[in-house]
Amino acid sequence: MPLRLPALAGRGRGWRGRSDDVPLIDLRLQHGQTIDEARRRLHSAVDEVHRQFGATIRSTTWSADRDRVKLDGVGFWVEMAIDAHILHAKGDIALLGQLLGGQMRAGLSRILERTFHKSLPP
């Protein structure tokens, strides 16, 4: 069962009545860092996502404690959050279409895995 993260503003029913409760990206990575280092790495990963996909990103919303971030863009949303042990990433990129959605999914996974290194077993 996927982990449900506390929602940031703007959640609910999406385009054509689709529910945001079932993300098309659901990734968990064990970060193996202190919470401060994991927070720094989350910021670094978001910066890299902006460099790679910035033209499609409309807004970036950070939680007050800077442990959660939501990226909203043209045809997608992605939420990332850290806790004491795990980076959680989930999102919906269905509206980007197969080609662009696949590129974004693969790019996001590469960025997060490279930034946080340790994957959890399935």
PDB file of N, CA and C in Angstrom:
ATOM      1  N   MET A   1       0.840  -1.173   0.000  1.00  0.00           N
ATOM      2  CA  MET A   1       0.000   0.000   0.000  1.00  0.00           C
ATOM      3  C   MET A   1       0.885   1.236   0.000  1.00  0.00           C
ATOM      4  N   PRO A   2       0.661   2.188  -0.949  1.00  0.00           N
ATOM      5  CA  PRO A   2       1.500   3.376  -1.009  1.00  0.00           C
ATOM      6  C   PRO A   2       1.323   4.241   0.238  1.00  0.00           C
ATOM      7  N   LEU A   3       2.384   4.896   0.618  1.00  0.00           N
ATOM      8  CA  LEU A   3       2.347   5.810   1.747  1.00  0.00           C
ATOM      9  C   LEU A   3       1.614   7.068   1.332  1.00  0.00           C
ATOM     10  N   ARG A   4       0.693   7.540   2.130  1.00  0.00           N
ATOM     11  CA  ARG A   4      -0.031   8.777   1.840  1.00  0.00           C
ATOM     12  C   ARG A   4       0.629   9.902   2.620  1.00  0.00           C
ATOM     13  N   LEU A   5       1.084  10.901   1.918  1.00  0.00           N
ATOM     14  CA  LEU A   5       1.733  12.046   2.539  1.00  0.00           C
ATOM     15  C   LEU A   5       0.702  13.121   2.841  1.00  0.00           C
ATOM     16  N   PRO A   6       0.948  13.946   3.848  1.00  0.00           N
ATOM     17  CA  PRO A   6       0.044  15.068   4.085  1.00  0.00           C
ATOM     18  C   PRO A   6       0.011  15.950   2.849  1.00  0.00           C
ATOM     19  N   ALA A   7      -1.157  16.357   2.459  1.00  0.00           N
ATOM     20  CA  ALA A   7      -1.333  17.113   1.224  1.00  0.00           C
ATOM     21  C   ALA A   7      -0.895  18.557   1.393  1.00  0.00           C
ATOM     22  N   LEU A   8      -0.329  19.090   0.337  1.00  0.00           N
ATOM     23  CA  LEU A   8      -0.097  20.522   0.267  1.00  0.00           C
ATOM     24  C   LEU A   8      -1.317  21.139  -0.403  1.00  0.00           C
ATOM     25  N   ALA A   9      -1.442  22.429  -0.369  1.00  0.00           N
ATOM     26  CA  ALA A   9      -2.615  23.104  -0.942  1.00  0.00           C
ATOM     27  C   ALA A   9      -2.786  22.741  -2.406  1.00  0.00           C
ATOM     28  N   GLY A  10      -4.036  22.679  -2.840  1.00  0.00           N
ATOM     29  CA  GLY A  10      -4.308  22.464  -4.256  1.00  0.00           C
ATOM     30  C   GLY A  10      -4.605  21.035  -4.631  1.00  0.00           C
ATOM     31  N   ARG A  11      -4.788  20.148  -3.668  1.00  0.00           N
ATOM     32  CA  ARG A  11      -5.086  18.752  -3.968  1.00  0.00           C
ATOM     33  C   ARG A  11      -6.570  18.581  -4.187  1.00  0.00           C
ATOM     34  N   GLY A  12      -6.980  17.457  -4.677  1.00  0.00           N
ATOM     35  CA  GLY A  12      -8.394  17.165  -4.886  1.00  0.00           C
ATOM     36  C   GLY A  12      -8.590  16.506  -6.226  1.00  0.00           C
ATOM     37  N   ARG A  13      -9.722  16.735  -6.816  1.00  0.00           N
ATOM     38  CA  ARG A  13     -10.003  16.150  -8.122  1.00  0.00           C
ATOM     39  C   ARG A  13      -9.295  16.954  -9.192  1.00  0.00           C
ATOM     40  N   GLY A  14      -8.645  16.263 -10.066  1.00  0.00           N
ATOM     41  CA  GLY A  14      -7.874  16.908 -11.122  1.00  0.00           C
ATOM     42  C   GLY A  14      -8.634  16.960 -12.426  1.00  0.00           C
ATOM     43  N   TRP A  15      -7.898  17.034 -13.493  1.00  0.00           N
ATOM     44  CA  TRP A  15      -8.411  17.147 -14.840  1.00  0.00           C
ATOM     45  C   TRP A  15      -9.352  15.989 -15.154  1.00  0.00           C
ATOM     46  N   ARG A  16     -10.498  16.272 -15.733  1.00  0.00           N
ATOM     47  CA  ARG A  16     -11.496  15.267 -16.109  1.00  0.00           C
ATOM     48  C   ARG A  16     -11.943  14.407 -14.941  1.00  0.00           C
ATOM     49  N   GLY A  17     -11.942  14.982 -13.737  1.00  0.00           N
ATOM     50  CA  GLY A  17     -12.459  14.274 -12.572  1.00  0.00           C
ATOM     51  C   GLY A  17     -11.545  13.220 -11.994  1.00  0.00           C
ATOM     52  N   ARG A  18     -10.325  13.111 -12.493  1.00  0.00           N
ATOM     53  CA  ARG A  18      -9.370  12.128 -11.954  1.00  0.00           C
ATOM     54  C   ARG A  18      -9.068  12.440 -10.514  1.00  0.00           C
ATOM     55  N   SER A  19      -8.977  11.436  -9.700  1.00  0.00           N
ATOM     56  CA  SER A  19      -8.646  11.634  -8.299  1.00  0.00           C
ATOM     57  C   SER A  19      -7.135  11.689  -8.137  1.00  0.00           C
ATOM     58  N   ASP A  20      -6.655  12.645  -7.336  1.00  0.00           N
ATOM     59  CA  ASP A  20      -5.225  12.741  -7.057  1.00  0.00           C
ATOM     60  C   ASP A  20      -4.776  11.719  -6.027  1.00  0.00           C
ATOM     61  N   ASP A  21      -5.705  10.897  -5.530  1.00  0.00           N
ATOM     62  CA  ASP A  21      -5.356   9.931  -4.499  1.00  0.00           C
ATOM     63  C   ASP A  21      -4.541   8.754  -5.035  1.00  0.00           C
ATOM     64  N   VAL A  22      -4.453   8.589  -6.347  1.00  0.00           N
ATOM     65  CA  VAL A  22      -3.724   7.467  -6.930  1.00  0.00           C
ATOM     66  C   VAL A  22      -2.608   8.025  -7.815  1.00  0.00           C
ATOM     67  N   PRO A  23      -1.417   8.205  -7.257  1.00  0.00           N
ATOM     68  CA  PRO A  23      -0.329   8.786  -8.041  1.00  0.00           C
ATOM     69  C   PRO A  23       0.216   7.802  -9.069  1.00  0.00           C
ATOM     70  N   LEU A  24       0.698   8.340 -10.179  1.00  0.00           N
ATOM     71  CA  LEU A  24       1.312   7.509 -11.208  1.00  0.00           C
ATOM     72  C   LEU A  24       2.811   7.344 -10.985  1.00  0.00           C
ATOM     73  N   ILE A  25       3.373   8.155 -10.106  1.00  0.00           N
ATOM     74  CA  ILE A  25       4.752   7.991  -9.650  1.00  0.00           C
ATOM     75  C   ILE A  25       4.670   7.762  -8.147  1.00  0.00           C
ATOM     76  N   ASP A  26       5.295   6.723  -7.679  1.00  0.00           N
ATOM     77  CA  ASP A  26       5.340   6.462  -6.237  1.00  0.00           C
ATOM     78  C   ASP A  26       6.697   5.849  -5.948  1.00  0.00           C
ATOM     79  N   LEU A  27       7.608   6.649  -5.441  1.00  0.00           N
ATOM     80  CA  LEU A  27       9.002   6.245  -5.264  1.00  0.00           C
ATOM     81  C   LEU A  27       9.420   6.499  -3.828  1.00  0.00           C
ATOM     82  N   ARG A  28      10.122   5.539  -3.248  1.00  0.00           N
ATOM     83  CA  ARG A  28      10.693   5.699  -1.910  1.00  0.00           C
ATOM     84  C   ARG A  28      12.162   5.338  -1.961  1.00  0.00           C
ATOM     85  N   LEU A  29      12.981   6.207  -1.402  1.00  0.00           N
ATOM     86  CA  LEU A  29      14.418   5.979  -1.343  1.00  0.00           C
ATOM     87  C   LEU A  29      14.891   6.175   0.089  1.00  0.00           C
ATOM     88  N   GLN A  30      15.659   5.228   0.590  1.00  0.00           N
ATOM     89  CA  GLN A  30      16.263   5.387   1.910  1.00  0.00           C
ATOM     90  C   GLN A  30      17.420   6.360   1.754  1.00  0.00           C
ATOM     91  N   HIS A  31      17.401   7.447   2.509  1.00  0.00           N
ATOM     92  CA  HIS A  31      18.438   8.457   2.305  1.00  0.00           C
ATOM     93  C   HIS A  31      19.669   8.242   3.181  1.00  0.00           C
ATOM     94  N   GLY A  32      19.565   7.591   4.326  1.00  0.00           N
ATOM     95  CA  GLY A  32      20.733   7.289   5.148  1.00  0.00           C
ATOM     96  C   GLY A  32      21.492   8.512   5.622  1.00  0.00           C
ATOM     97  N   GLN A  33      20.824   9.642   5.776  1.00  0.00           N
ATOM     98  CA  GLN A  33      21.456  10.894   6.170  1.00  0.00           C
ATOM     99  C   GLN A  33      20.764  11.456   7.406  1.00  0.00           C
ATOM    100  N   THR A  34      21.380  12.442   8.013  1.00  0.00           N
ATOM    101  CA  THR A  34      20.669  13.191   9.053  1.00  0.00           C
ATOM    102  C   THR A  34      19.540  13.949   8.375  1.00  0.00           C
ATOM    103  N   ILE A  35      18.571  14.386   9.146  1.00  0.00           N
ATOM    104  CA  ILE A  35      17.451  15.116   8.565  1.00  0.00           C
ATOM    105  C   ILE A  35      17.928  16.414   7.914  1.00  0.00           C
ATOM    106  N   ASP A  36      18.922  17.074   8.495  1.00  0.00           N
ATOM    107  CA  ASP A  36      19.456  18.301   7.896  1.00  0.00           C
ATOM    108  C   ASP A  36      20.131  18.027   6.554  1.00  0.00           C
ATOM    109  N   GLU A  37      20.904  16.945   6.482  1.00  0.00           N
ATOM    110  CA  GLU A  37      21.556  16.594   5.220  1.00  0.00           C
ATOM    111  C   GLU A  37      20.518  16.155   4.195  1.00  0.00           C
ATOM    112  N   ALA A  38      19.514  15.397   4.606  1.00  0.00           N
ATOM    113  CA  ALA A  38      18.457  14.977   3.686  1.00  0.00           C
ATOM    114  C   ALA A  38      17.691  16.193   3.161  1.00  0.00           C
ATOM    115  N   ARG A  39      17.467  17.165   4.002  1.00  0.00           N
ATOM    116  CA  ARG A  39      16.796  18.407   3.599  1.00  0.00           C
ATOM    117  C   ARG A  39      17.650  19.134   2.553  1.00  0.00           C
ATOM    118  N   ARG A  40      18.952  19.198   2.793  1.00  0.00           N
ATOM    119  CA  ARG A  40      19.863  19.833   1.827  1.00  0.00           C
ATOM    120  C   ARG A  40      19.824  19.110   0.482  1.00  0.00           C
ATOM    121  N   ARG A  41      19.814  17.784   0.538  1.00  0.00           N
ATOM    122  CA  ARG A  41      19.761  16.996  -0.699  1.00  0.00           C
ATOM    123  C   ARG A  41      18.434  17.160  -1.423  1.00  0.00           C
ATOM    124  N   LEU A  42      17.340  17.291  -0.671  1.00  0.00           N
ATOM    125  CA  LEU A  42      16.036  17.539  -1.298  1.00  0.00           C
ATOM    126  C   LEU A  42      16.078  18.858  -2.054  1.00  0.00           C
ATOM    127  N   HIS A  43      16.637  19.886  -1.442  1.00  0.00           N
ATOM    128  CA  HIS A  43      16.771  21.181  -2.114  1.00  0.00           C
ATOM    129  C   HIS A  43      17.627  21.047  -3.370  1.00  0.00           C
ATOM    130  N   SER A  44      18.700  20.288  -3.276  1.00  0.00           N
ATOM    131  CA  SER A  44      19.574  20.066  -4.422  1.00  0.00           C
ATOM    132  C   SER A  44      18.834  19.345  -5.549  1.00  0.00           C
ATOM    133  N   ALA A  45      18.042  18.332  -5.193  1.00  0.00           N
ATOM    134  CA  ALA A  45      17.278  17.588  -6.194  1.00  0.00           C
ATOM    135  C   ALA A  45      16.250  18.496  -6.878  1.00  0.00           C
ATOM    136  N   VAL A  46      15.580  19.344  -6.102  1.00  0.00           N
ATOM    137  CA  VAL A  46      14.602  20.269  -6.682  1.00  0.00           C
ATOM    138  C   VAL A  46      15.299  21.245  -7.624  1.00  0.00           C
ATOM    139  N   ASP A  47      16.466  21.738  -7.242  1.00  0.00           N
ATOM    140  CA  ASP A  47      17.233  22.627  -8.125  1.00  0.00           C
ATOM    141  C   ASP A  47      17.557  21.931  -9.444  1.00  0.00           C
ATOM    142  N   GLU A  48      17.954  20.670  -9.366  1.00  0.00           N
ATOM    143  CA  GLU A  48      18.292  19.934 -10.591  1.00  0.00           C
ATOM    144  C   GLU A  48      17.053  19.671 -11.449  1.00  0.00           C
ATOM    145  N   VAL A  49      15.927  19.356 -10.812  1.00  0.00           N
ATOM    146  CA  VAL A  49      14.672  19.188 -11.558  1.00  0.00           C
ATOM    147  C   VAL A  49      14.339  20.489 -12.277  1.00  0.00           C
ATOM    148  N   HIS A  50      14.525  21.620 -11.615  1.00  0.00           N
ATOM    149  CA  HIS A  50      14.272  22.917 -12.250  1.00  0.00           C
ATOM    150  C   HIS A  50      15.208  23.146 -13.435  1.00  0.00           C
ATOM    151  N   ARG A  51      16.465  22.773 -13.286  1.00  0.00           N
ATOM    152  CA  ARG A  51      17.398  22.942 -14.397  1.00  0.00           C
ATOM    153  C   ARG A  51      16.986  22.086 -15.590  1.00  0.00           C
ATOM    154  N   GLN A  52      16.557  20.867 -15.326  1.00  0.00           N
ATOM    155  CA  GLN A  52      16.242  19.938 -16.410  1.00  0.00           C
ATOM    156  C   GLN A  52      14.844  20.147 -16.997  1.00  0.00           C
ATOM    157  N   PHE A  53      13.869  20.491 -16.172  1.00  0.00           N
ATOM    158  CA  PHE A  53      12.476  20.574 -16.626  1.00  0.00           C
ATOM    159  C   PHE A  53      11.843  21.932 -16.353  1.00  0.00           C
ATOM    160  N   GLY A  54      12.653  22.945 -16.087  1.00  0.00           N
ATOM    161  CA  GLY A  54      12.157  24.254 -15.665  1.00  0.00           C
ATOM    162  C   GLY A  54      11.119  24.882 -16.566  1.00  0.00           C
ATOM    163  N   ALA A  55      11.203  24.667 -17.864  1.00  0.00           N
ATOM    164  CA  ALA A  55      10.239  25.275 -18.790  1.00  0.00           C
ATOM    165  C   ALA A  55       8.827  24.758 -18.562  1.00  0.00           C
ATOM    166  N   THR A  56       8.682  23.588 -17.958  1.00  0.00           N
ATOM    167  CA  THR A  56       7.352  23.020 -17.743  1.00  0.00           C
ATOM    168  C   THR A  56       6.819  23.242 -16.338  1.00  0.00           C
ATOM    169  N   ILE A  57       7.646  23.758 -15.422  1.00  0.00           N
ATOM    170  CA  ILE A  57       7.247  23.940 -14.025  1.00  0.00           C
ATOM    171  C   ILE A  57       6.617  25.319 -13.842  1.00  0.00           C
ATOM    172  N   ARG A  58       5.378  25.326 -13.314  1.00  0.00           N
ATOM    173  CA  ARG A  58       4.668  26.583 -13.057  1.00  0.00           C
ATOM    174  C   ARG A  58       4.894  27.106 -11.644  1.00  0.00           C
ATOM    175  N   SER A  59       4.924  26.200 -10.662  1.00  0.00           N
ATOM    176  CA  SER A  59       5.112  26.654  -9.281  1.00  0.00           C
ATOM    177  C   SER A  59       5.807  25.583  -8.454  1.00  0.00           C
ATOM    178  N   THR A  60       6.505  26.055  -7.434  1.00  0.00           N
ATOM    179  CA  THR A  60       7.168  25.198  -6.462  1.00  0.00           C
ATOM    180  C   THR A  60       6.749  25.692  -5.090  1.00  0.00           C
ATOM    181  N   THR A  61       6.115  24.808  -4.304  1.00  0.00           N
ATOM    182  CA  THR A  61       5.587  25.186  -2.995  1.00  0.00           C
ATOM    183  C   THR A  61       6.251  24.330  -1.922  1.00  0.00           C
ATOM    184  N   TRP A  62       6.968  24.994  -1.019  1.00  0.00           N
ATOM    185  CA  TRP A  62       7.649  24.320   0.083  1.00  0.00           C
ATOM    186  C   TRP A  62       6.788  24.379   1.335  1.00  0.00           C
ATOM    187  N   SER A  63       6.832  23.347   2.155  1.00  0.00           N
ATOM    188  CA  SER A  63       6.189  23.374   3.470  1.00  0.00           C
ATOM    189  C   SER A  63       7.013  24.292   4.380  1.00  0.00           C
ATOM    190  N   ALA A  64       6.421  24.705   5.488  1.00  0.00           N
ATOM    191  CA  ALA A  64       7.096  25.614   6.417  1.00  0.00           C
ATOM    192  C   ALA A  64       8.397  25.020   6.957  1.00  0.00           C
ATOM    193  N   ASP A  65       8.422  23.710   7.203  1.00  0.00           N
ATOM    194  CA  ASP A  65       9.631  23.072   7.747  1.00  0.00           C
ATOM    195  C   ASP A  65      10.631  22.661   6.666  1.00  0.00           C
ATOM    196  N   ARG A  66      10.288  22.924   5.402  1.00  0.00           N
ATOM    197  CA  ARG A  66      11.153  22.648   4.234  1.00  0.00           C
ATOM    198  C   ARG A  66      11.457  21.158   4.074  1.00  0.00           C
ATOM    199  N   ASP A  67      10.588  20.300   4.625  1.00  0.00           N
ATOM    200  CA  ASP A  67      10.731  18.847   4.470  1.00  0.00           C
ATOM    201  C   ASP A  67       9.840  18.304   3.365  1.00  0.00           C
ATOM    202  N   ARG A  68       8.969  19.147   2.795  1.00  0.00           N
ATOM    203  CA  ARG A  68       8.045  18.746   1.726  1.00  0.00           C
ATOM    204  C   ARG A  68       8.029  19.825   0.667  1.00  0.00           C
ATOM    205  N   VAL A  69       7.874  19.369  -0.573  1.00  0.00           N
ATOM    206  CA  VAL A  69       7.780  20.305  -1.687  1.00  0.00           C
ATOM    207  C   VAL A  69       6.818  19.750  -2.722  1.00  0.00           C
ATOM    208  N   LYS A  70       6.070  20.637  -3.343  1.00  0.00           N
ATOM    209  CA  LYS A  70       5.182  20.235  -4.433  1.00  0.00           C
ATOM    210  C   LYS A  70       5.541  21.065  -5.659  1.00  0.00           C
ATOM    211  N   LEU A  71       5.770  20.373  -6.768  1.00  0.00           N
ATOM    212  CA  LEU A  71       6.020  21.016  -8.050  1.00  0.00           C
ATOM    213  C   LEU A  71       4.770  20.841  -8.900  1.00  0.00           C
ATOM    214  N   ASP A  72       4.221  21.942  -9.366  1.00  0.00           N
ATOM    215  CA  ASP A  72       3.081  21.902 -10.288  1.00  0.00           C
ATOM    216  C   ASP A  72       3.567  22.413 -11.623  1.00  0.00           C
ATOM    217  N   GLY A  73       3.135  21.722 -12.667  1.00  0.00           N
ATOM    218  CA  GLY A  73       3.576  22.138 -13.981  1.00  0.00           C
ATOM    219  C   GLY A  73       2.521  21.920 -15.033  1.00  0.00           C
ATOM    220  N   VAL A  74       2.929  22.107 -16.253  1.00  0.00           N
ATOM    221  CA  VAL A  74       2.051  21.931 -17.393  1.00  0.00           C
ATOM    222  C   VAL A  74       1.772  20.437 -17.540  1.00  0.00           C
ATOM    223  N   GLY A  75       0.599  19.999 -17.065  1.00  0.00           N
ATOM    224  CA  GLY A  75       0.196  18.602 -17.209  1.00  0.00           C
ATOM    225  C   GLY A  75       0.761  17.647 -16.178  1.00  0.00           C
ATOM    226  N   PHE A  76       1.267  18.138 -15.057  1.00  0.00           N
ATOM    227  CA  PHE A  76       1.808  17.226 -14.043  1.00  0.00           C
ATOM    228  C   PHE A  76       1.862  17.893 -12.683  1.00  0.00           C
ATOM    229  N   TRP A  77       2.006  17.077 -11.654  1.00  0.00           N
ATOM    230  CA  TRP A  77       2.362  17.523 -10.306  1.00  0.00           C
ATOM    231  C   TRP A  77       3.231  16.432  -9.690  1.00  0.00           C
ATOM    232  N   VAL A  78       4.143  16.837  -8.837  1.00  0.00           N
ATOM    233  CA  VAL A  78       5.021  15.916  -8.115  1.00  0.00           C
ATOM    234  C   VAL A  78       5.190  16.462  -6.703  1.00  0.00           C
ATOM    235  N   GLU A  79       5.024  15.601  -5.700  1.00  0.00           N
ATOM    236  CA  GLU A  79       5.302  15.947  -4.307  1.00  0.00           C
ATOM    237  C   GLU A  79       6.467  15.108  -3.824  1.00  0.00           C
ATOM    238  N   MET A  80       7.374  15.745  -3.104  1.00  0.00           N
ATOM    239  CA  MET A  80       8.495  15.031  -2.505  1.00  0.00           C
ATOM    240  C   MET A  80       8.554  15.419  -1.036  1.00  0.00           C
ATOM    241  N   ALA A  81       8.852  14.450  -0.177  1.00  0.00           N
ATOM    242  CA  ALA A  81       8.946  14.707   1.259  1.00  0.00           C
ATOM    243  C   ALA A  81      10.014  13.802   1.854  1.00  0.00           C
ATOM    244  N   ILE A  82      10.658  14.304   2.904  1.00  0.00           N
ATOM    245  CA  ILE A  82      11.636  13.495   3.622  1.00  0.00           C
ATOM    246  C   ILE A  82      11.153  13.309   5.047  1.00  0.00           C
ATOM    247  N   ASP A  83      11.511  12.155   5.614  1.00  0.00           N
ATOM    248  CA  ASP A  83      11.340  11.940   7.048  1.00  0.00           C
ATOM    249  C   ASP A  83      12.708  11.503   7.569  1.00  0.00           C
ATOM    250  N   ALA A  84      12.770  10.971   8.744  1.00  0.00           N
ATOM    251  CA  ALA A  84      14.057  10.630   9.356  1.00  0.00           C
ATOM    252  C   ALA A  84      14.863   9.617   8.550  1.00  0.00           C
ATOM    253  N   HIS A  85      14.180   8.802   7.718  1.00  0.00           N
ATOM    254  CA  HIS A  85      14.895   7.731   7.021  1.00  0.00           C
ATOM    255  C   HIS A  85      14.646   7.672   5.519  1.00  0.00           C
ATOM    256  N   ILE A  86      13.522   8.195   5.041  1.00  0.00           N
ATOM    257  CA  ILE A  86      13.090   7.923   3.671  1.00  0.00           C
ATOM    258  C   ILE A  86      12.703   9.209   2.941  1.00  0.00           C
ATOM    259  N   LEU A  87      13.060   9.255   1.655  1.00  0.00           N
ATOM    260  CA  LEU A  87      12.547  10.253   0.736  1.00  0.00           C
ATOM    261  C   LEU A  87      11.337   9.624   0.048  1.00  0.00           C
ATOM    262  N   HIS A  88      10.217  10.329   0.053  1.00  0.00           N
ATOM    263  CA  HIS A  88       9.003   9.874  -0.613  1.00  0.00           C
ATOM    264  C   HIS A  88       8.748  10.814  -1.785  1.00  0.00           C
ATOM    265  N   ALA A  89       8.470  10.261  -2.946  1.00  0.00           N
ATOM    266  CA  ALA A  89       8.112  11.081  -4.105  1.00  0.00           C
ATOM    267  C   ALA A  89       6.895  10.450  -4.756  1.00  0.00           C
ATOM    268  N   LYS A  90       5.904  11.275  -5.050  1.00  0.00           N
ATOM    269  CA  LYS A  90       4.732  10.787  -5.754  1.00  0.00           C
ATOM    270  C   LYS A  90       4.225  11.890  -6.646  1.00  0.00           C
ATOM    271  N   GLY A  91       3.515  11.484  -7.670  1.00  0.00           N
ATOM    272  CA  GLY A  91       3.000  12.494  -8.575  1.00  0.00           C
ATOM    273  C   GLY A  91       2.205  11.905  -9.708  1.00  0.00           C
ATOM    274  N   ASP A  92       1.707  12.784 -10.533  1.00  0.00           N
ATOM    275  CA  ASP A  92       0.904  12.428 -11.694  1.00  0.00           C
ATOM    276  C   ASP A  92       1.425  13.216 -12.879  1.00  0.00           C
ATOM    277  N   ILE A  93       1.923  12.521 -13.866  1.00  0.00           N
ATOM    278  CA  ILE A  93       2.430  13.181 -15.069  1.00  0.00           C
ATOM    279  C   ILE A  93       1.670  12.726 -16.307  1.00  0.00           C
ATOM    280  N   ALA A  94       0.497  12.162 -16.111  1.00  0.00           N
ATOM    281  CA  ALA A  94      -0.275  11.583 -17.204  1.00  0.00           C
ATOM    282  C   ALA A  94      -0.590  12.585 -18.304  1.00  0.00           C
ATOM    283  N   LEU A  95      -0.823  13.825 -17.952  1.00  0.00           N
ATOM    284  CA  LEU A  95      -1.222  14.802 -18.958  1.00  0.00           C
ATOM    285  C   LEU A  95      -0.093  15.210 -19.880  1.00  0.00           C
ATOM    286  N   LEU A  96       1.130  14.868 -19.540  1.00  0.00           N
ATOM    287  CA  LEU A  96       2.259  15.182 -20.417  1.00  0.00           C
ATOM    288  C   LEU A  96       2.312  14.258 -21.628  1.00  0.00           C
ATOM    289  N   GLY A  97       1.598  13.171 -21.578  1.00  0.00           N
ATOM    290  CA  GLY A  97       1.644  12.210 -22.668  1.00  0.00           C
ATOM    291  C   GLY A  97       2.745  11.197 -22.457  1.00  0.00           C
ATOM    292  N   GLN A  98       2.726  10.172 -23.286  1.00  0.00           N
ATOM    293  CA  GLN A  98       3.659   9.069 -23.103  1.00  0.00           C
ATOM    294  C   GLN A  98       5.115   9.480 -23.272  1.00  0.00           C
ATOM    295  N   LEU A  99       5.424  10.217 -24.309  1.00  0.00           N
ATOM    296  CA  LEU A  99       6.817  10.564 -24.587  1.00  0.00           C
ATOM    297  C   LEU A  99       7.385  11.493 -23.517  1.00  0.00           C
ATOM    298  N   LEU A 100       6.760  12.645 -23.311  1.00  0.00           N
ATOM    299  CA  LEU A 100       7.272  13.589 -22.324  1.00  0.00           C
ATOM    300  C   LEU A 100       7.128  13.058 -20.907  1.00  0.00           C
ATOM    301  N   GLY A 101       6.017  12.378 -20.626  1.00  0.00           N
ATOM    302  CA  GLY A 101       5.816  11.805 -19.293  1.00  0.00           C
ATOM    303  C   GLY A 101       6.874  10.777 -18.960  1.00  0.00           C
ATOM    304  N   GLY A 102       7.212   9.934 -19.925  1.00  0.00           N
ATOM    305  CA  GLY A 102       8.254   8.925 -19.717  1.00  0.00           C
ATOM    306  C   GLY A 102       9.613   9.559 -19.474  1.00  0.00           C
ATOM    307  N   GLN A 103       9.910  10.616 -20.214  1.00  0.00           N
ATOM    308  CA  GLN A 103      11.181  11.322 -20.026  1.00  0.00           C
ATOM    309  C   GLN A 103      11.241  11.968 -18.646  1.00  0.00           C
ATOM    310  N   MET A 104      10.120  12.571 -18.224  1.00  0.00           N
ATOM    311  CA  MET A 104      10.118  13.214 -16.914  1.00  0.00           C
ATOM    312  C   MET A 104      10.215  12.174 -15.806  1.00  0.00           C
ATOM    313  N   ARG A 105       9.468  11.080 -15.911  1.00  0.00           N
ATOM    314  CA  ARG A 105       9.515  10.025 -14.889  1.00  0.00           C
ATOM    315  C   ARG A 105      10.933   9.483 -14.759  1.00  0.00           C
ATOM    316  N   ALA A 106      11.565   9.175 -15.884  1.00  0.00           N
ATOM    317  CA  ALA A 106      12.926   8.636 -15.858  1.00  0.00           C
ATOM    318  C   ALA A 106      13.916   9.672 -15.330  1.00  0.00           C
ATOM    319  N   GLY A 107      13.774  10.920 -15.753  1.00  0.00           N
ATOM    320  CA  GLY A 107      14.679  11.974 -15.300  1.00  0.00           C
ATOM    321  C   GLY A 107      14.556  12.233 -13.815  1.00  0.00           C
ATOM    322  N   LEU A 108      13.327  12.290 -13.319  1.00  0.00           N
ATOM    323  CA  LEU A 108      13.103  12.505 -11.888  1.00  0.00           C
ATOM    324  C   LEU A 108      13.692  11.356 -11.076  1.00  0.00           C
ATOM    325  N   SER A 109      13.448  10.130 -11.511  1.00  0.00           N
ATOM    326  CA  SER A 109      14.008   8.967 -10.799  1.00  0.00           C
ATOM    327  C   SER A 109      15.526   9.019 -10.763  1.00  0.00           C
ATOM    328  N   ARG A 110      16.157   9.346 -11.899  1.00  0.00           N
ATOM    329  CA  ARG A 110      17.625   9.437 -11.947  1.00  0.00           C
ATOM    330  C   ARG A 110      18.140  10.511 -10.998  1.00  0.00           C
ATOM    331  N   ILE A 111      17.486  11.680 -11.013  1.00  0.00           N
ATOM    332  CA  ILE A 111      17.919  12.782 -10.151  1.00  0.00           C
ATOM    333  C   ILE A 111      17.832  12.372  -8.688  1.00  0.00           C
ATOM    334  N   LEU A 112      16.705  11.801  -8.287  1.00  0.00           N
ATOM    335  CA  LEU A 112      16.522  11.428  -6.881  1.00  0.00           C
ATOM    336  C   LEU A 112      17.466  10.306  -6.469  1.00  0.00           C
ATOM    337  N   GLU A 113      17.629   9.298  -7.314  1.00  0.00           N
ATOM    338  CA  GLU A 113      18.534   8.199  -6.970  1.00  0.00           C
ATOM    339  C   GLU A 113      19.975   8.682  -6.882  1.00  0.00           C
ATOM    340  N   ARG A 114      20.378   9.561  -7.790  1.00  0.00           N
ATOM    341  CA  ARG A 114      21.745  10.083  -7.766  1.00  0.00           C
ATOM    342  C   ARG A 114      21.956  10.979  -6.538  1.00  0.00           C
ATOM    343  N   THR A 115      20.939  11.743  -6.160  1.00  0.00           N
ATOM    344  CA  THR A 115      21.059  12.668  -5.036  1.00  0.00           C
ATOM    345  C   THR A 115      21.009  11.948  -3.697  1.00  0.00           C
ATOM    346  N   PHE A 116      20.170  10.903  -3.603  1.00  0.00           N
ATOM    347  CA  PHE A 116      19.987  10.225  -2.315  1.00  0.00           C
ATOM    348  C   PHE A 116      20.643   8.849  -2.239  1.00  0.00           C
ATOM    349  N   HIS A 117      21.017   8.259  -3.336  1.00  0.00           N
ATOM    350  CA  HIS A 117      21.815   7.032  -3.440  1.00  0.00           C
ATOM    351  C   HIS A 117      21.178   5.706  -3.043  1.00  0.00           C
ATOM    352  N   LYS A 118      20.665   5.518  -1.850  1.00  0.00           N
ATOM    353  CA  LYS A 118      20.247   4.191  -1.380  1.00  0.00           C
ATOM    354  C   LYS A 118      18.773   3.935  -1.658  1.00  0.00           C
ATOM    355  N   SER A 119      18.460   2.888  -2.443  1.00  0.00           N
ATOM    356  CA  SER A 119      17.077   2.534  -2.742  1.00  0.00           C
ATOM    357  C   SER A 119      16.553   1.514  -1.731  1.00  0.00           C
ATOM    358  N   LEU A 120      15.288   1.611  -1.436  1.00  0.00           N
ATOM    359  CA  LEU A 120      14.639   0.597  -0.592  1.00  0.00           C
ATOM    360  C   LEU A 120      14.297  -0.613  -1.446  1.00  0.00           C
ATOM    361  N   PRO A 121      14.339  -1.802  -0.900  1.00  0.00           N
ATOM    362  CA  PRO A 121      13.902  -2.968  -1.668  1.00  0.00           C
ATOM    363  C   PRO A 121      12.410  -2.865  -1.965  1.00  0.00           C
ATOM    364  N   PRO A 122      11.952  -3.491  -3.081  1.00  0.00           N
ATOM    365  CA  PRO A 122      10.526  -3.391  -3.446  1.00  0.00           C
ATOM    366  C   PRO A 122       9.619  -3.989  -2.399  1.00  0.00           C
TER     367      PRO A 122
END
